[in-house]
Amino acid sequence: MLKAILKTRTIVKVGFAALLALTFCMAPPASEAQAKKRKPAKHGTIKILSTPGGLPLEIDGRPEGQTSTDYRSFDLDPGLHTIVISLPNGQRWTREVELPAGRIKCVALNFRQPPPVTSSPCPYPVNLSAAAQVIEGEIITFTSDTTYSGTSALNYTWTVSPGNAKLLSGAGTPTISVDSTGLAGQRVTATLVVDDGSGEPNCRQVAQATTYVPPTPPRENPSRQFDVCCSCSFDDQKARLDNLAVELQNDPSTTSYVIAYGGRNSRVGQADMLGDRARDYLVTNRGIDQSRITVLNGGFREEDCVELWVVPSGATTPAATPTVDASEVRPSTPRRRAPRRRGRY
């Protein structure tokens, strides 16, 4: 028996593979003597087997049981016949076979299902979180949350900007700590690259998070009222000015404000006189540089007053706080001395 293997196409969908073979079998030619004795054949034969066996079989739309791993023979009229075998994956394998009279054709089907394809764990989500805002000097914590179903160990690579941001801890781990000292008025951005070491582009994920460090607000009037003297004699004021001079000499970075107030019934120009006298005493008697002393006319209070202020470098300067409106002031008039009487000669 002469066998010929013909190539066939599979109709199995993606995800399955079938090795199919259609074998044609022909009866050996008879001798002339035998051919004269035999009558012409009225039918042909199709033999069918499959690996694995037990697959539902149809021929020309009629169920013919199941295939087996050995050939099953079917005598059929000459002509075109349709063979359908139901595969284990649910597909239907179909072939049309032209069967001449007196011929044998063999159909051998080998089906092999490939191993299941393992889905890749990539890409995978990486979420990076951090506080929206912190005060300068606080520690910023950047934390990553990665959902990865693979078995490889993940690599964590961090970069932080600006360049003067100090990474305190956590390099190579899912969480880092960054010092915000000196970063007032800036945004601190952490960039995280996560990969599983496979080199696959889909297995390399990048995430970012940003924390804002607002500018440090200016100090509200840190100037310090060193002393205040109301209705004081000049000797009393001088003692207070001596103490102020010592304070200024101990810290050359400070300056001083002298705010003088006239009283409700003080003489005209009393505030200016008090302020100038205090400054002159500090400069002349105590040797304080005049550039370090600022004298302000503070307006009016119930009585004469002199405020002494110490102002650190960069601090907000003090402001006058009068308590009597100028329209309410009634300046006193200096008394005139009575003329001396001339004695009689």
C-alpha atoms as a PDB file:
ATOM      1  CA  MET A   1       0.000   0.000   0.000  1.00  0.00           C
ATOM      2  CA  LEU A   2       1.425   3.344  -1.042  1.00  0.00           C
ATOM      3  CA  LYS A   3       1.022   6.158   1.445  1.00  0.00           C
ATOM      4  CA  ALA A   4       1.377   9.843   0.636  1.00  0.00           C
ATOM      5  CA  ILE A   5       1.396  12.593   3.262  1.00  0.00           C
ATOM      6  CA  LEU A   6      -0.332  15.777   2.208  1.00  0.00           C
ATOM      7  CA  LYS A   7       0.132  19.086   3.998  1.00  0.00           C
ATOM      8  CA  THR A   8      -3.001  20.614   5.439  1.00  0.00           C
ATOM      9  CA  ARG A   9      -3.958  23.832   7.110  1.00  0.00           C
ATOM     10  CA  THR A  10      -5.237  24.028  10.641  1.00  0.00           C
ATOM     11  CA  ILE A  11      -8.235  26.129  11.590  1.00  0.00           C
ATOM     12  CA  VAL A  12      -7.460  26.162  15.302  1.00  0.00           C
ATOM     13  CA  LYS A  13      -7.596  29.690  16.800  1.00  0.00           C
ATOM     14  CA  VAL A  14      -4.652  31.471  18.506  1.00  0.00           C
ATOM     15  CA  GLY A  15      -3.725  29.846  21.796  1.00  0.00           C
ATOM     16  CA  PHE A  16      -3.950  26.241  20.466  1.00  0.00           C
ATOM     17  CA  ALA A  17      -1.891  24.166  18.088  1.00  0.00           C
ATOM     18  CA  ALA A  18      -2.799  21.021  16.205  1.00  0.00           C
ATOM     19  CA  LEU A  19      -0.541  18.756  14.234  1.00  0.00           C
ATOM     20  CA  LEU A  20      -2.713  17.411  11.458  1.00  0.00           C
ATOM     21  CA  ALA A  21      -1.899  14.834   8.790  1.00  0.00           C
ATOM     22  CA  LEU A  22      -4.054  13.639   5.904  1.00  0.00           C
ATOM     23  CA  THR A  23      -2.781  10.330   4.484  1.00  0.00           C
ATOM     24  CA  PHE A  24      -3.974   8.907   1.215  1.00  0.00           C
ATOM     25  CA  CYS A  25      -3.931   5.167   0.829  1.00  0.00           C
ATOM     26  CA  MET A  26      -4.243   3.481  -2.549  1.00  0.00           C
ATOM     27  CA  ALA A  27      -4.865  -0.167  -3.278  1.00  0.00           C
ATOM     28  CA  PRO A  28      -2.000  -1.866  -5.160  1.00  0.00           C
ATOM     29  CA  PRO A  29      -2.575  -2.204  -8.889  1.00  0.00           C
ATOM     30  CA  ALA A  30      -3.860  -5.618  -9.968  1.00  0.00           C
ATOM     31  CA  SER A  31      -2.268  -7.734 -12.687  1.00  0.00           C
ATOM     32  CA  GLU A  32      -3.910  -7.830 -16.103  1.00  0.00           C
ATOM     33  CA  ALA A  33      -5.218 -11.308 -15.487  1.00  0.00           C
ATOM     34  CA  GLN A  34      -6.693 -10.410 -12.163  1.00  0.00           C
ATOM     35  CA  ALA A  35      -8.119  -7.181 -13.565  1.00  0.00           C
ATOM     36  CA  LYS A  36      -9.962  -9.175 -16.240  1.00  0.00           C
ATOM     37  CA  LYS A  37     -11.483 -11.508 -13.649  1.00  0.00           C
ATOM     38  CA  ARG A  38     -12.579  -8.741 -11.166  1.00  0.00           C
ATOM     39  CA  LYS A  39     -15.542  -6.526 -11.693  1.00  0.00           C
ATOM     40  CA  PRO A  40     -15.020  -2.733 -11.505  1.00  0.00           C
ATOM     41  CA  ALA A  41     -15.347  -1.399  -7.899  1.00  0.00           C
ATOM     42  CA  LYS A  42     -18.475   0.555  -7.099  1.00  0.00           C
ATOM     43  CA  HIS A  43     -17.146   2.289  -3.941  1.00  0.00           C
ATOM     44  CA  GLY A  44     -14.001   3.600  -2.239  1.00  0.00           C
ATOM     45  CA  THR A  45     -12.776   3.457   1.348  1.00  0.00           C
ATOM     46  CA  ILE A  46     -11.755   6.176   3.787  1.00  0.00           C
ATOM     47  CA  LYS A  47      -9.757   5.121   6.869  1.00  0.00           C
ATOM     48  CA  ILE A  48      -9.672   7.511   9.831  1.00  0.00           C
ATOM     49  CA  LEU A  49      -7.638   7.579  13.065  1.00  0.00           C
ATOM     50  CA  SER A  50      -6.728  10.297  15.549  1.00  0.00           C
ATOM     51  CA  THR A  51      -4.306  10.915  18.357  1.00  0.00           C
ATOM     52  CA  PRO A  52      -5.746  11.168  20.913  1.00  0.00           C
ATOM     53  CA  GLY A  53      -8.679   8.921  20.148  1.00  0.00           C
ATOM     54  CA  GLY A  54     -12.252   9.286  21.288  1.00  0.00           C
ATOM     55  CA  LEU A  55     -12.997  12.437  19.294  1.00  0.00           C
ATOM     56  CA  PRO A  56     -16.546  12.866  17.910  1.00  0.00           C
ATOM     57  CA  LEU A  57     -16.632  12.090  14.172  1.00  0.00           C
ATOM     58  CA  GLU A  58     -19.045  13.118  11.407  1.00  0.00           C
ATOM     59  CA  ILE A  59     -18.981  12.119   7.742  1.00  0.00           C
ATOM     60  CA  ASP A  60     -21.150  14.045   5.334  1.00  0.00           C
ATOM     61  CA  GLY A  61     -23.107  15.475   8.273  1.00  0.00           C
ATOM     62  CA  ARG A  62     -23.893  12.089   9.834  1.00  0.00           C
ATOM     63  CA  PRO A  63     -22.467  11.145  13.259  1.00  0.00           C
ATOM     64  CA  GLU A  64     -20.134   8.185  12.999  1.00  0.00           C
ATOM     65  CA  GLY A  65     -19.270   7.670  16.654  1.00  0.00           C
ATOM     66  CA  GLN A  66     -15.777   8.479  17.792  1.00  0.00           C
ATOM     67  CA  THR A  67     -12.319   8.201  16.377  1.00  0.00           C
ATOM     68  CA  SER A  68      -9.773   5.749  17.701  1.00  0.00           C
ATOM     69  CA  THR A  69      -6.018   5.479  17.647  1.00  0.00           C
ATOM     70  CA  ASP A  70      -6.390   2.638  15.111  1.00  0.00           C
ATOM     71  CA  TYR A  71      -7.853   3.145  11.663  1.00  0.00           C
ATOM     72  CA  ARG A  72     -11.607   2.893  11.289  1.00  0.00           C
ATOM     73  CA  SER A  73     -12.706   2.053   7.741  1.00  0.00           C
ATOM     74  CA  PHE A  74     -15.705   3.564   5.978  1.00  0.00           C
ATOM     75  CA  ASP A  75     -16.866   2.320   2.544  1.00  0.00           C
ATOM     76  CA  LEU A  76     -18.368   5.264   0.684  1.00  0.00           C
ATOM     77  CA  ASP A  77     -19.647   6.035  -2.763  1.00  0.00           C
ATOM     78  CA  PRO A  78     -17.175   7.684  -5.093  1.00  0.00           C
ATOM     79  CA  GLY A  79     -17.195  11.441  -4.930  1.00  0.00           C
ATOM     80  CA  LEU A  80     -16.541  14.315  -2.524  1.00  0.00           C
ATOM     81  CA  HIS A  81     -16.957  13.559   1.180  1.00  0.00           C
ATOM     82  CA  THR A  82     -16.778  15.928   4.174  1.00  0.00           C
ATOM     83  CA  ILE A  83     -15.096  14.754   7.360  1.00  0.00           C
ATOM     84  CA  VAL A  84     -15.589  16.699  10.639  1.00  0.00           C
ATOM     85  CA  ILE A  85     -13.744  15.859  13.865  1.00  0.00           C
ATOM     86  CA  SER A  86     -14.486  17.773  17.094  1.00  0.00           C
ATOM     87  CA  LEU A  87     -11.217  18.704  18.820  1.00  0.00           C
ATOM     88  CA  PRO A  88     -10.642  18.802  22.611  1.00  0.00           C
ATOM     89  CA  ASN A  89     -10.335  22.600  22.539  1.00  0.00           C
ATOM     90  CA  GLY A  90     -13.876  22.974  21.186  1.00  0.00           C
ATOM     91  CA  GLN A  91     -12.824  23.633  17.598  1.00  0.00           C
ATOM     92  CA  ARG A  92     -14.173  21.579  14.650  1.00  0.00           C
ATOM     93  CA  TRP A  93     -11.601  20.204  12.218  1.00  0.00           C
ATOM     94  CA  THR A  94     -13.068  19.848   8.708  1.00  0.00           C
ATOM     95  CA  ARG A  95     -11.654  18.294   5.537  1.00  0.00           C
ATOM     96  CA  GLU A  96     -13.132  17.476   2.137  1.00  0.00           C
ATOM     97  CA  VAL A  97     -11.795  14.291   0.542  1.00  0.00           C
ATOM     98  CA  GLU A  98     -12.309  13.338  -3.119  1.00  0.00           C
ATOM     99  CA  LEU A  99     -12.752   9.542  -3.144  1.00  0.00           C
ATOM    100  CA  PRO A 100     -12.432   7.647  -6.439  1.00  0.00           C
ATOM    101  CA  ALA A 101     -13.978   4.211  -6.841  1.00  0.00           C
ATOM    102  CA  GLY A 102     -11.714   1.369  -5.838  1.00  0.00           C
ATOM    103  CA  ARG A 103      -9.339   3.596  -3.936  1.00  0.00           C
ATOM    104  CA  ILE A 104      -8.474   3.842  -0.244  1.00  0.00           C
ATOM    105  CA  LYS A 105      -7.696   7.122   1.404  1.00  0.00           C
ATOM    106  CA  CYS A 106      -6.393   7.405   4.940  1.00  0.00           C
ATOM    107  CA  VAL A 107      -6.920  10.365   7.274  1.00  0.00           C
ATOM    108  CA  ALA A 108      -4.637  10.580  10.348  1.00  0.00           C
ATOM    109  CA  LEU A 109      -5.198  13.457  12.756  1.00  0.00           C
ATOM    110  CA  ASN A 110      -2.615  14.225  15.443  1.00  0.00           C
ATOM    111  CA  PHE A 111      -3.720  16.917  17.876  1.00  0.00           C
ATOM    112  CA  ARG A 112      -1.373  18.500  20.403  1.00  0.00           C
ATOM    113  CA  GLN A 113      -2.463  21.336  22.675  1.00  0.00           C
ATOM    114  CA  PRO A 114       0.377  23.712  23.683  1.00  0.00           C
ATOM    115  CA  PRO A 115       1.090  24.436  27.350  1.00  0.00           C
ATOM    116  CA  PRO A 116      -0.859  27.388  28.732  1.00  0.00           C
ATOM    117  CA  VAL A 117       0.778  30.762  28.223  1.00  0.00           C
ATOM    118  CA  THR A 118       1.738  32.371  31.510  1.00  0.00           C
ATOM    119  CA  SER A 119       0.639  35.996  31.626  1.00  0.00           C
ATOM    120  CA  SER A 120       3.341  38.580  32.279  1.00  0.00           C
ATOM    121  CA  PRO A 121       3.191  40.535  35.575  1.00  0.00           C
ATOM    122  CA  CYS A 122       4.141  43.668  33.650  1.00  0.00           C
ATOM    123  CA  PRO A 123       3.181  46.428  33.498  1.00  0.00           C
ATOM    124  CA  TYR A 124       2.259  46.908  37.145  1.00  0.00           C
ATOM    125  CA  PRO A 125       0.960  50.005  38.965  1.00  0.00           C
ATOM    126  CA  VAL A 126       3.264  52.091  41.181  1.00  0.00           C
ATOM    127  CA  ASN A 127       1.654  54.772  43.368  1.00  0.00           C
ATOM    128  CA  LEU A 128       3.838  57.344  45.127  1.00  0.00           C
ATOM    129  CA  SER A 129       2.464  59.465  47.983  1.00  0.00           C
ATOM    130  CA  ALA A 130       3.752  62.293  50.208  1.00  0.00           C
ATOM    131  CA  ALA A 131       2.441  65.222  52.243  1.00  0.00           C
ATOM    132  CA  ALA A 132       1.225  68.093  50.077  1.00  0.00           C
ATOM    133  CA  GLN A 133       2.979  70.664  52.300  1.00  0.00           C
ATOM    134  CA  VAL A 134       5.367  70.770  55.248  1.00  0.00           C
ATOM    135  CA  ILE A 135       7.003  73.486  57.329  1.00  0.00           C
ATOM    136  CA  GLU A 136      10.698  74.076  56.711  1.00  0.00           C
ATOM    137  CA  GLY A 137      12.753  71.760  58.902  1.00  0.00           C
ATOM    138  CA  GLU A 138      10.166  68.970  58.970  1.00  0.00           C
ATOM    139  CA  ILE A 139      10.939  65.527  57.536  1.00  0.00           C
ATOM    140  CA  ILE A 140       9.219  64.661  54.229  1.00  0.00           C
ATOM    141  CA  THR A 141       8.302  60.977  53.815  1.00  0.00           C
ATOM    142  CA  PHE A 142       7.790  59.614  50.297  1.00  0.00           C
ATOM    143  CA  THR A 143       6.115  56.181  50.236  1.00  0.00           C
ATOM    144  CA  SER A 144       5.503  53.903  47.237  1.00  0.00           C
ATOM    145  CA  ASP A 145       2.775  51.282  46.861  1.00  0.00           C
ATOM    146  CA  THR A 146       3.537  48.659  44.178  1.00  0.00           C
ATOM    147  CA  THR A 147       1.194  45.874  43.046  1.00  0.00           C
ATOM    148  CA  TYR A 148       3.485  43.295  41.433  1.00  0.00           C
ATOM    149  CA  SER A 149       2.499  39.656  40.878  1.00  0.00           C
ATOM    150  CA  GLY A 150       5.860  38.417  39.628  1.00  0.00           C
ATOM    151  CA  THR A 151       8.441  36.465  41.612  1.00  0.00           C
ATOM    152  CA  SER A 152      11.463  38.689  40.922  1.00  0.00           C
ATOM    153  CA  ALA A 153      12.772  41.089  43.562  1.00  0.00           C
ATOM    154  CA  LEU A 154      11.988  44.694  42.661  1.00  0.00           C
ATOM    155  CA  ASN A 155      14.663  47.405  42.475  1.00  0.00           C
ATOM    156  CA  TYR A 156      13.876  50.894  43.814  1.00  0.00           C
ATOM    157  CA  THR A 157      15.921  53.828  42.482  1.00  0.00           C
ATOM    158  CA  TRP A 158      15.199  57.307  43.906  1.00  0.00           C
ATOM    159  CA  THR A 159      16.210  60.805  42.804  1.00  0.00           C
ATOM    160  CA  VAL A 160      15.269  63.964  44.721  1.00  0.00           C
ATOM    161  CA  SER A 161      15.214  67.587  43.585  1.00  0.00           C
ATOM    162  CA  PRO A 162      16.274  70.327  44.167  1.00  0.00           C
ATOM    163  CA  GLY A 163      19.871  69.218  44.411  1.00  0.00           C
ATOM    164  CA  ASN A 164      20.355  70.560  47.944  1.00  0.00           C
ATOM    165  CA  ALA A 165      17.534  68.365  49.300  1.00  0.00           C
ATOM    166  CA  LYS A 166      19.100  65.893  51.743  1.00  0.00           C
ATOM    167  CA  LEU A 167      18.061  62.228  51.543  1.00  0.00           C
ATOM    168  CA  LEU A 168      18.122  61.004  55.148  1.00  0.00           C
ATOM    169  CA  SER A 169      17.208  57.325  54.735  1.00  0.00           C
ATOM    170  CA  GLY A 170      15.487  54.701  52.591  1.00  0.00           C
ATOM    171  CA  ALA A 171      17.657  54.580  49.451  1.00  0.00           C
ATOM    172  CA  GLY A 172      16.876  51.324  47.598  1.00  0.00           C
ATOM    173  CA  THR A 173      13.651  50.738  49.549  1.00  0.00           C
ATOM    174  CA  PRO A 174       9.979  51.610  48.893  1.00  0.00           C
ATOM    175  CA  THR A 175      10.076  54.551  51.388  1.00  0.00           C
ATOM    176  CA  ILE A 176      12.521  57.457  51.795  1.00  0.00           C
ATOM    177  CA  SER A 177      12.873  60.399  54.206  1.00  0.00           C
ATOM    178  CA  VAL A 178      14.023  63.848  53.043  1.00  0.00           C
ATOM    179  CA  ASP A 179      15.090  66.830  55.209  1.00  0.00           C
ATOM    180  CA  SER A 180      13.309  70.071  54.251  1.00  0.00           C
ATOM    181  CA  THR A 181      15.757  72.338  56.109  1.00  0.00           C
ATOM    182  CA  GLY A 182      16.852  75.226  53.885  1.00  0.00           C
ATOM    183  CA  LEU A 183      14.194  74.503  51.247  1.00  0.00           C
ATOM    184  CA  ALA A 184      11.649  77.201  52.211  1.00  0.00           C
ATOM    185  CA  GLY A 185       9.774  78.533  49.193  1.00  0.00           C
ATOM    186  CA  GLN A 186      10.604  75.481  47.043  1.00  0.00           C
ATOM    187  CA  ARG A 187       8.959  72.295  45.856  1.00  0.00           C
ATOM    188  CA  VAL A 188      10.646  69.016  46.738  1.00  0.00           C
ATOM    189  CA  THR A 189      10.085  66.330  44.076  1.00  0.00           C
ATOM    190  CA  ALA A 190      10.932  62.645  44.461  1.00  0.00           C
ATOM    191  CA  THR A 191      11.154  60.449  41.349  1.00  0.00           C
ATOM    192  CA  LEU A 192      11.036  56.667  41.761  1.00  0.00           C
ATOM    193  CA  VAL A 193      12.043  54.088  39.142  1.00  0.00           C
ATOM    194  CA  VAL A 194      10.911  50.506  39.872  1.00  0.00           C
ATOM    195  CA  ASP A 195      12.082  47.533  37.792  1.00  0.00           C
ATOM    196  CA  ASP A 196      12.231  43.763  38.213  1.00  0.00           C
ATOM    197  CA  GLY A 197      15.639  43.322  36.616  1.00  0.00           C
ATOM    198  CA  SER A 198      14.260  41.651  33.473  1.00  0.00           C
ATOM    199  CA  GLY A 199      15.157  44.515  31.167  1.00  0.00           C
ATOM    200  CA  GLU A 200      11.656  44.473  29.682  1.00  0.00           C
ATOM    201  CA  PRO A 201      10.404  48.042  29.039  1.00  0.00           C
ATOM    202  CA  ASN A 202       6.974  47.158  30.485  1.00  0.00           C
ATOM    203  CA  CYS A 203       8.638  45.999  33.711  1.00  0.00           C
ATOM    204  CA  ARG A 204      10.184  49.426  34.364  1.00  0.00           C
ATOM    205  CA  GLN A 205       7.760  51.866  35.990  1.00  0.00           C
ATOM    206  CA  VAL A 206       8.288  55.537  36.953  1.00  0.00           C
ATOM    207  CA  ALA A 207       6.336  57.582  39.526  1.00  0.00           C
ATOM    208  CA  GLN A 208       6.667  61.084  41.012  1.00  0.00           C
ATOM    209  CA  ALA A 209       5.376  63.013  44.029  1.00  0.00           C
ATOM    210  CA  THR A 210       5.919  66.627  45.132  1.00  0.00           C
ATOM    211  CA  THR A 211       5.802  68.381  48.511  1.00  0.00           C
ATOM    212  CA  TYR A 212       5.726  72.172  48.875  1.00  0.00           C
ATOM    213  CA  VAL A 213       7.762  73.948  51.554  1.00  0.00           C
ATOM    214  CA  PRO A 214       6.238  77.456  51.881  1.00  0.00           C
ATOM    215  CA  PRO A 215       8.431  80.498  52.622  1.00  0.00           C
ATOM    216  CA  THR A 216       9.094  81.196  56.275  1.00  0.00           C
ATOM    217  CA  PRO A 217       6.837  84.105  57.328  1.00  0.00           C
ATOM    218  CA  PRO A 218       8.643  87.184  58.654  1.00  0.00           C
ATOM    219  CA  ARG A 219       8.774  87.551  62.395  1.00  0.00           C
ATOM    220  CA  GLU A 220       6.083  89.840  63.711  1.00  0.00           C
ATOM    221  CA  ASN A 221       7.755  92.819  65.436  1.00  0.00           C
ATOM    222  CA  PRO A 222      10.515  90.996  67.304  1.00  0.00           C
ATOM    223  CA  SER A 223      11.882  94.351  68.496  1.00  0.00           C
ATOM    224  CA  ARG A 224      12.053  94.439  72.283  1.00  0.00           C
ATOM    225  CA  GLN A 225      10.956  97.334  74.484  1.00  0.00           C
ATOM    226  CA  PHE A 226      13.930  97.712  76.754  1.00  0.00           C
ATOM    227  CA  ASP A 227      12.557 100.395  79.116  1.00  0.00           C
ATOM    228  CA  VAL A 228       9.965 103.142  79.422  1.00  0.00           C
ATOM    229  CA  CYS A 229       9.996 106.188  81.692  1.00  0.00           C
ATOM    230  CA  CYS A 230       7.104 108.632  82.137  1.00  0.00           C
ATOM    231  CA  SER A 231       7.330 111.906  84.052  1.00  0.00           C
ATOM    232  CA  CYS A 232      10.886 110.972  84.971  1.00  0.00           C
ATOM    233  CA  SER A 233      13.614 113.340  86.024  1.00  0.00           C
ATOM    234  CA  PHE A 234      16.621 113.567  83.739  1.00  0.00           C
ATOM    235  CA  ASP A 235      18.791 111.851  86.353  1.00  0.00           C
ATOM    236  CA  ASP A 236      16.375 108.894  86.326  1.00  0.00           C
ATOM    237  CA  GLN A 237      16.445 108.842  82.511  1.00  0.00           C
ATOM    238  CA  LYS A 238      20.231 108.862  82.466  1.00  0.00           C
ATOM    239  CA  ALA A 239      20.357 105.721  84.616  1.00  0.00           C
ATOM    240  CA  ARG A 240      18.048 103.968  82.157  1.00  0.00           C
ATOM    241  CA  LEU A 241      20.086 105.231  79.194  1.00  0.00           C
ATOM    242  CA  ASP A 242      23.240 103.833  80.833  1.00  0.00           C
ATOM    243  CA  ASN A 243      21.629 100.384  80.923  1.00  0.00           C
ATOM    244  CA  LEU A 244      20.589 100.694  77.275  1.00  0.00           C
ATOM    245  CA  ALA A 245      24.159 101.640  76.294  1.00  0.00           C
ATOM    246  CA  VAL A 246      25.487  98.470  77.946  1.00  0.00           C
ATOM    247  CA  GLU A 247      22.927  96.377  76.014  1.00  0.00           C
ATOM    248  CA  LEU A 248      23.954  97.957  72.710  1.00  0.00           C
ATOM    249  CA  GLN A 249      27.646  97.474  73.444  1.00  0.00           C
ATOM    250  CA  ASN A 250      27.134  93.782  74.255  1.00  0.00           C
ATOM    251  CA  ASP A 251      25.512  93.145  70.856  1.00  0.00           C
ATOM    252  CA  PRO A 252      26.938  95.386  68.115  1.00  0.00           C
ATOM    253  CA  SER A 253      24.415  93.969  65.580  1.00  0.00           C
ATOM    254  CA  THR A 254      21.509  95.702  67.334  1.00  0.00           C
ATOM    255  CA  THR A 255      20.222  99.258  67.021  1.00  0.00           C
ATOM    256  CA  SER A 256      18.030 101.375  69.268  1.00  0.00           C
ATOM    257  CA  TYR A 257      14.838 103.352  68.876  1.00  0.00           C
ATOM    258  CA  VAL A 258      14.021 106.237  71.231  1.00  0.00           C
ATOM    259  CA  ILE A 259      10.324 107.168  71.006  1.00  0.00           C
ATOM    260  CA  ALA A 260       9.442 110.345  72.915  1.00  0.00           C
ATOM    261  CA  TYR A 261       5.915 111.542  73.754  1.00  0.00           C
ATOM    262  CA  GLY A 262       4.758 114.929  74.920  1.00  0.00           C
ATOM    263  CA  GLY A 263       2.136 115.116  77.679  1.00  0.00           C
ATOM    264  CA  ARG A 264      -1.384 116.466  77.314  1.00  0.00           C
ATOM    265  CA  ASN A 265      -0.289 119.715  78.982  1.00  0.00           C
ATOM    266  CA  SER A 266       3.424 119.685  78.224  1.00  0.00           C
ATOM    267  CA  ARG A 267       5.200 122.575  76.655  1.00  0.00           C
ATOM    268  CA  VAL A 268       5.342 122.847  72.868  1.00  0.00           C
ATOM    269  CA  GLY A 269       8.191 120.748  71.454  1.00  0.00           C
ATOM    270  CA  GLN A 270       8.547 118.664  74.614  1.00  0.00           C
ATOM    271  CA  ALA A 271       8.723 115.295  72.711  1.00  0.00           C
ATOM    272  CA  ASP A 272      11.489 116.526  70.407  1.00  0.00           C
ATOM    273  CA  MET A 273      13.443 117.854  73.364  1.00  0.00           C
ATOM    274  CA  LEU A 274      13.205 114.563  75.267  1.00  0.00           C
ATOM    275  CA  GLY A 275      14.255 112.475  72.253  1.00  0.00           C
ATOM    276  CA  ASP A 276      17.192 114.684  71.300  1.00  0.00           C
ATOM    277  CA  ARG A 277      18.425 114.800  74.892  1.00  0.00           C
ATOM    278  CA  ALA A 278      18.397 111.012  75.166  1.00  0.00           C
ATOM    279  CA  ARG A 279      20.299 110.565  71.903  1.00  0.00           C
ATOM    280  CA  ASP A 280      22.886 113.196  72.808  1.00  0.00           C
ATOM    281  CA  TYR A 281      23.519 111.504  76.126  1.00  0.00           C
ATOM    282  CA  LEU A 282      24.031 108.071  74.484  1.00  0.00           C
ATOM    283  CA  VAL A 283      26.402 109.478  71.868  1.00  0.00           C
ATOM    284  CA  THR A 284      28.346 111.972  73.981  1.00  0.00           C
ATOM    285  CA  ASN A 285      28.447 110.312  77.379  1.00  0.00           C
ATOM    286  CA  ARG A 286      28.238 106.611  76.476  1.00  0.00           C
ATOM    287  CA  GLY A 287      30.049 106.544  73.104  1.00  0.00           C
ATOM    288  CA  ILE A 288      27.268 104.899  71.104  1.00  0.00           C
ATOM    289  CA  ASP A 289      27.526 105.456  67.333  1.00  0.00           C
ATOM    290  CA  GLN A 290      24.835 107.907  66.307  1.00  0.00           C
ATOM    291  CA  SER A 291      23.895 105.701  63.308  1.00  0.00           C
ATOM    292  CA  ARG A 292      22.639 103.074  65.731  1.00  0.00           C
ATOM    293  CA  ILE A 293      20.110 105.401  67.348  1.00  0.00           C
ATOM    294  CA  THR A 294      16.791 106.436  65.784  1.00  0.00           C
ATOM    295  CA  VAL A 295      14.681 109.077  67.514  1.00  0.00           C
ATOM    296  CA  LEU A 296      10.925 109.270  66.838  1.00  0.00           C
ATOM    297  CA  ASN A 297       8.399 111.875  67.921  1.00  0.00           C
ATOM    298  CA  GLY A 298       5.584 109.615  69.079  1.00  0.00           C
ATOM    299  CA  GLY A 299       2.934 112.314  69.502  1.00  0.00           C
ATOM    300  CA  PHE A 300       1.122 112.733  72.801  1.00  0.00           C
ATOM    301  CA  ARG A 301       0.178 110.777  75.898  1.00  0.00           C
ATOM    302  CA  GLU A 302      -1.280 111.830  79.197  1.00  0.00           C
ATOM    303  CA  GLU A 303       2.213 112.734  80.437  1.00  0.00           C
ATOM    304  CA  ASP A 304       5.752 112.976  79.131  1.00  0.00           C
ATOM    305  CA  CYS A 305       7.158 109.542  78.259  1.00  0.00           C
ATOM    306  CA  VAL A 306      10.308 108.096  76.707  1.00  0.00           C
ATOM    307  CA  GLU A 307      10.387 104.508  75.340  1.00  0.00           C
ATOM    308  CA  LEU A 308      13.724 102.773  74.781  1.00  0.00           C
ATOM    309  CA  TRP A 309      13.754  99.900  72.244  1.00  0.00           C
ATOM    310  CA  VAL A 310      16.397  97.320  71.242  1.00  0.00           C
ATOM    311  CA  VAL A 311      16.054  96.243  67.585  1.00  0.00           C
ATOM    312  CA  PRO A 312      17.909  93.069  66.416  1.00  0.00           C
ATOM    313  CA  SER A 313      19.289  92.975  62.878  1.00  0.00           C
ATOM    314  CA  GLY A 314      16.517  92.377  60.322  1.00  0.00           C
ATOM    315  CA  ALA A 315      13.745  92.799  62.871  1.00  0.00           C
ATOM    316  CA  THR A 316      10.599  94.831  62.317  1.00  0.00           C
ATOM    317  CA  THR A 317      11.069  98.321  63.728  1.00  0.00           C
ATOM    318  CA  PRO A 318       8.758  99.551  66.499  1.00  0.00           C
ATOM    319  CA  ALA A 319       5.975 102.073  65.908  1.00  0.00           C
ATOM    320  CA  ALA A 320       4.759 104.949  68.073  1.00  0.00           C
ATOM    321  CA  THR A 321       1.602 104.362  70.122  1.00  0.00           C
ATOM    322  CA  PRO A 322       0.185 107.757  71.184  1.00  0.00           C
ATOM    323  CA  THR A 323      -2.877 107.808  73.438  1.00  0.00           C
ATOM    324  CA  VAL A 324      -3.929 111.463  73.167  1.00  0.00           C
ATOM    325  CA  ASP A 325      -5.064 113.139  69.963  1.00  0.00           C
ATOM    326  CA  ALA A 326      -3.218 116.308  69.053  1.00  0.00           C
ATOM    327  CA  SER A 327      -6.514 118.229  69.035  1.00  0.00           C
ATOM    328  CA  GLU A 328      -6.924 117.497  72.744  1.00  0.00           C
ATOM    329  CA  VAL A 329      -3.542 118.883  73.764  1.00  0.00           C
ATOM    330  CA  ARG A 330      -3.425 122.110  75.731  1.00  0.00           C
ATOM    331  CA  PRO A 331       0.228 123.145  75.957  1.00  0.00           C
ATOM    332  CA  SER A 332       1.251 124.935  79.115  1.00  0.00           C
ATOM    333  CA  THR A 333       2.658 128.454  78.918  1.00  0.00           C
ATOM    334  CA  PRO A 334       6.030 129.046  80.528  1.00  0.00           C
ATOM    335  CA  ARG A 335       5.803 131.314  83.553  1.00  0.00           C
ATOM    336  CA  ARG A 336       7.313 134.727  83.210  1.00  0.00           C
ATOM    337  CA  ARG A 337       9.648 135.865  85.898  1.00  0.00           C
ATOM    338  CA  ALA A 338       8.531 139.000  87.756  1.00  0.00           C
ATOM    339  CA  PRO A 339      10.841 141.967  87.119  1.00  0.00           C
ATOM    340  CA  ARG A 340      13.209 142.751  89.925  1.00  0.00           C
ATOM    341  CA  ARG A 341      12.354 145.883  91.828  1.00  0.00           C
ATOM    342  CA  ARG A 342      14.990 148.489  92.104  1.00  0.00           C
ATOM    343  CA  GLY A 343      15.758 149.563  95.581  1.00  0.00           C
ATOM    344  CA  ARG A 344      15.536 153.119  96.655  1.00  0.00           C
ATOM    345  CA  TYR A 345      18.625 155.095  96.945  1.00  0.00           C
END
